[in-house]
Amino acid sequence: MPVVTILQGPRDVELKRDLVARITDAFVDAYKIPAETVQVWITETPADSWAAAGKLIADS
């Protein structure tokens, strides 16, 4: 059973639904497995708890 973990900033639920469907379809197509065996975990991190290039994303 594949488990896909996504770490990202907050996104709209409709965007997440679309992403999860596309990821699931990709595994079904590539591995020839049932969609029911694919799990996608989304962890959202607020902009004040994430940094890149030495700066908080919230300060960008």
N, C-alpha and C. Protein backbone atom coordinates (compact mmCIF):
# COMPACT_ATOMS: atom_id res chain seq x y z
N MET A 1 0.85 -1.18 0.00
CA MET A 1 0.00 0.00 0.00
C MET A 1 0.89 1.24 0.00
N PRO A 2 0.88 2.02 -1.06
CA PRO A 2 1.67 3.26 -1.09
C PRO A 2 1.07 4.32 -0.16
N VAL A 3 1.95 5.02 0.52
CA VAL A 3 1.56 6.15 1.35
C VAL A 3 2.36 7.35 0.86
N VAL A 4 1.68 8.38 0.42
CA VAL A 4 2.31 9.59 -0.07
C VAL A 4 2.14 10.66 0.99
N THR A 5 3.23 11.32 1.38
CA THR A 5 3.17 12.38 2.37
C THR A 5 3.49 13.70 1.69
N ILE A 6 2.63 14.68 1.89
CA ILE A 6 2.81 16.01 1.31
C ILE A 6 2.95 17.00 2.46
N LEU A 7 4.01 17.77 2.43
CA LEU A 7 4.21 18.84 3.40
C LEU A 7 4.10 20.14 2.64
N GLN A 8 3.16 21.00 3.03
CA GLN A 8 2.91 22.23 2.28
C GLN A 8 2.31 23.28 3.19
N GLY A 9 2.23 24.48 2.65
CA GLY A 9 1.50 25.54 3.31
C GLY A 9 0.01 25.32 3.11
N PRO A 10 -0.82 26.01 3.88
CA PRO A 10 -2.27 25.83 3.77
C PRO A 10 -2.79 26.08 2.34
N ARG A 11 -3.68 25.22 1.91
CA ARG A 11 -4.32 25.34 0.60
C ARG A 11 -5.82 25.14 0.77
N ASP A 12 -6.57 25.62 -0.21
CA ASP A 12 -8.01 25.45 -0.25
C ASP A 12 -8.36 23.96 -0.38
N VAL A 13 -9.44 23.54 0.26
CA VAL A 13 -9.83 22.14 0.25
C VAL A 13 -10.10 21.63 -1.16
N GLU A 14 -10.61 22.45 -2.05
CA GLU A 14 -10.86 22.00 -3.43
C GLU A 14 -9.54 21.67 -4.13
N LEU A 15 -8.51 22.48 -3.90
CA LEU A 15 -7.19 22.19 -4.49
C LEU A 15 -6.64 20.88 -3.95
N LYS A 16 -6.82 20.65 -2.65
CA LYS A 16 -6.34 19.40 -2.06
C LYS A 16 -7.10 18.20 -2.61
N ARG A 17 -8.39 18.33 -2.81
CA ARG A 17 -9.17 17.23 -3.41
C ARG A 17 -8.63 16.88 -4.79
N ASP A 18 -8.37 17.89 -5.58
CA ASP A 18 -7.85 17.67 -6.93
C ASP A 18 -6.46 17.01 -6.88
N LEU A 19 -5.60 17.50 -6.00
CA LEU A 19 -4.25 16.94 -5.88
C LEU A 19 -4.30 15.48 -5.46
N VAL A 20 -5.11 15.17 -4.46
CA VAL A 20 -5.23 13.79 -3.98
C VAL A 20 -5.73 12.87 -5.09
N ALA A 21 -6.71 13.32 -5.85
CA ALA A 21 -7.22 12.51 -6.96
C ALA A 21 -6.14 12.26 -8.01
N ARG A 22 -5.37 13.29 -8.34
CA ARG A 22 -4.32 13.14 -9.35
C ARG A 22 -3.21 12.21 -8.88
N ILE A 23 -2.81 12.35 -7.63
CA ILE A 23 -1.77 11.48 -7.09
C ILE A 23 -2.25 10.03 -7.07
N THR A 24 -3.48 9.82 -6.63
CA THR A 24 -4.04 8.47 -6.61
C THR A 24 -4.07 7.88 -8.01
N ASP A 25 -4.54 8.65 -8.97
CA ASP A 25 -4.59 8.18 -10.36
C ASP A 25 -3.20 7.83 -10.88
N ALA A 26 -2.19 8.61 -10.51
CA ALA A 26 -0.82 8.34 -10.97
C ALA A 26 -0.33 6.99 -10.44
N PHE A 27 -0.61 6.69 -9.19
CA PHE A 27 -0.21 5.39 -8.64
C PHE A 27 -0.99 4.25 -9.27
N VAL A 28 -2.27 4.45 -9.47
CA VAL A 28 -3.08 3.43 -10.12
C VAL A 28 -2.54 3.13 -11.52
N ASP A 29 -2.22 4.18 -12.27
CA ASP A 29 -1.69 4.00 -13.63
C ASP A 29 -0.30 3.38 -13.63
N ALA A 30 0.58 3.85 -12.77
CA ALA A 30 1.97 3.40 -12.78
C ALA A 30 2.14 1.99 -12.20
N TYR A 31 1.44 1.70 -11.11
CA TYR A 31 1.63 0.43 -10.40
C TYR A 31 0.54 -0.59 -10.68
N LYS A 32 -0.49 -0.17 -11.40
CA LYS A 32 -1.61 -1.08 -11.70
C LYS A 32 -2.21 -1.67 -10.41
N ILE A 33 -2.50 -0.77 -9.48
CA ILE A 33 -3.07 -1.17 -8.19
C ILE A 33 -4.43 -0.51 -8.00
N PRO A 34 -5.26 -1.03 -7.12
CA PRO A 34 -6.55 -0.40 -6.87
C PRO A 34 -6.38 0.94 -6.14
N ALA A 35 -7.22 1.88 -6.47
CA ALA A 35 -7.18 3.20 -5.83
C ALA A 35 -7.33 3.09 -4.32
N GLU A 36 -8.07 2.09 -3.86
CA GLU A 36 -8.31 1.92 -2.43
C GLU A 36 -7.03 1.65 -1.64
N THR A 37 -5.96 1.25 -2.32
CA THR A 37 -4.71 0.94 -1.62
C THR A 37 -3.79 2.15 -1.50
N VAL A 38 -4.14 3.26 -2.12
CA VAL A 38 -3.29 4.46 -2.10
C VAL A 38 -3.77 5.39 -0.98
N GLN A 39 -2.82 5.78 -0.13
CA GLN A 39 -3.14 6.74 0.92
C GLN A 39 -2.31 8.00 0.69
N VAL A 40 -2.93 9.15 0.90
CA VAL A 40 -2.24 10.43 0.77
C VAL A 40 -2.45 11.19 2.08
N TRP A 41 -1.34 11.57 2.70
CA TRP A 41 -1.38 12.34 3.94
C TRP A 41 -0.89 13.74 3.65
N ILE A 42 -1.67 14.73 4.01
CA ILE A 42 -1.29 16.13 3.80
C ILE A 42 -1.05 16.77 5.16
N THR A 43 0.14 17.32 5.32
CA THR A 43 0.48 18.07 6.52
C THR A 43 0.66 19.52 6.10
N GLU A 44 -0.12 20.40 6.69
CA GLU A 44 -0.03 21.82 6.36
C GLU A 44 0.67 22.58 7.48
N THR A 45 1.62 23.38 7.07
CA THR A 45 2.40 24.16 8.01
C THR A 45 2.12 25.64 7.78
N PRO A 46 1.76 26.39 8.81
CA PRO A 46 1.49 27.81 8.64
C PRO A 46 2.74 28.57 8.20
N ALA A 47 2.53 29.67 7.51
CA ALA A 47 3.64 30.46 6.96
C ALA A 47 4.57 30.99 8.04
N ASP A 48 4.11 31.11 9.28
CA ASP A 48 4.99 31.59 10.34
C ASP A 48 5.78 30.46 11.00
N SER A 49 5.62 29.24 10.47
CA SER A 49 6.37 28.10 10.99
C SER A 49 7.21 27.42 9.91
N TRP A 50 7.47 28.14 8.83
CA TRP A 50 8.20 27.59 7.69
C TRP A 50 9.16 28.66 7.20
N ALA A 51 10.37 28.27 6.85
CA ALA A 51 11.35 29.26 6.39
C ALA A 51 12.08 28.73 5.15
N ALA A 52 12.53 29.66 4.34
CA ALA A 52 13.38 29.36 3.18
C ALA A 52 14.38 30.48 3.04
N ALA A 53 15.61 30.13 2.74
CA ALA A 53 16.68 31.10 2.55
C ALA A 53 16.84 32.03 3.76
N GLY A 54 16.63 31.46 4.94
CA GLY A 54 16.84 32.24 6.17
C GLY A 54 15.73 33.18 6.56
N LYS A 55 14.57 33.10 5.87
CA LYS A 55 13.45 33.98 6.18
C LYS A 55 12.17 33.16 6.34
N LEU A 56 11.35 33.57 7.32
CA LEU A 56 10.04 32.97 7.43
C LEU A 56 9.23 33.26 6.17
N ILE A 57 8.48 32.28 5.72
CA ILE A 57 7.61 32.48 4.55
C ILE A 57 6.64 33.62 4.82
N ALA A 58 6.19 33.76 6.07
CA ALA A 58 5.26 34.84 6.45
C ALA A 58 5.85 36.21 6.21
N ASP A 59 7.18 36.31 6.23
CA ASP A 59 7.84 37.61 6.04
C ASP A 59 8.17 37.88 4.57
N SER A 60 7.87 36.95 3.70
CA SER A 60 8.20 37.14 2.27
C SER A 60 7.22 38.02 1.56
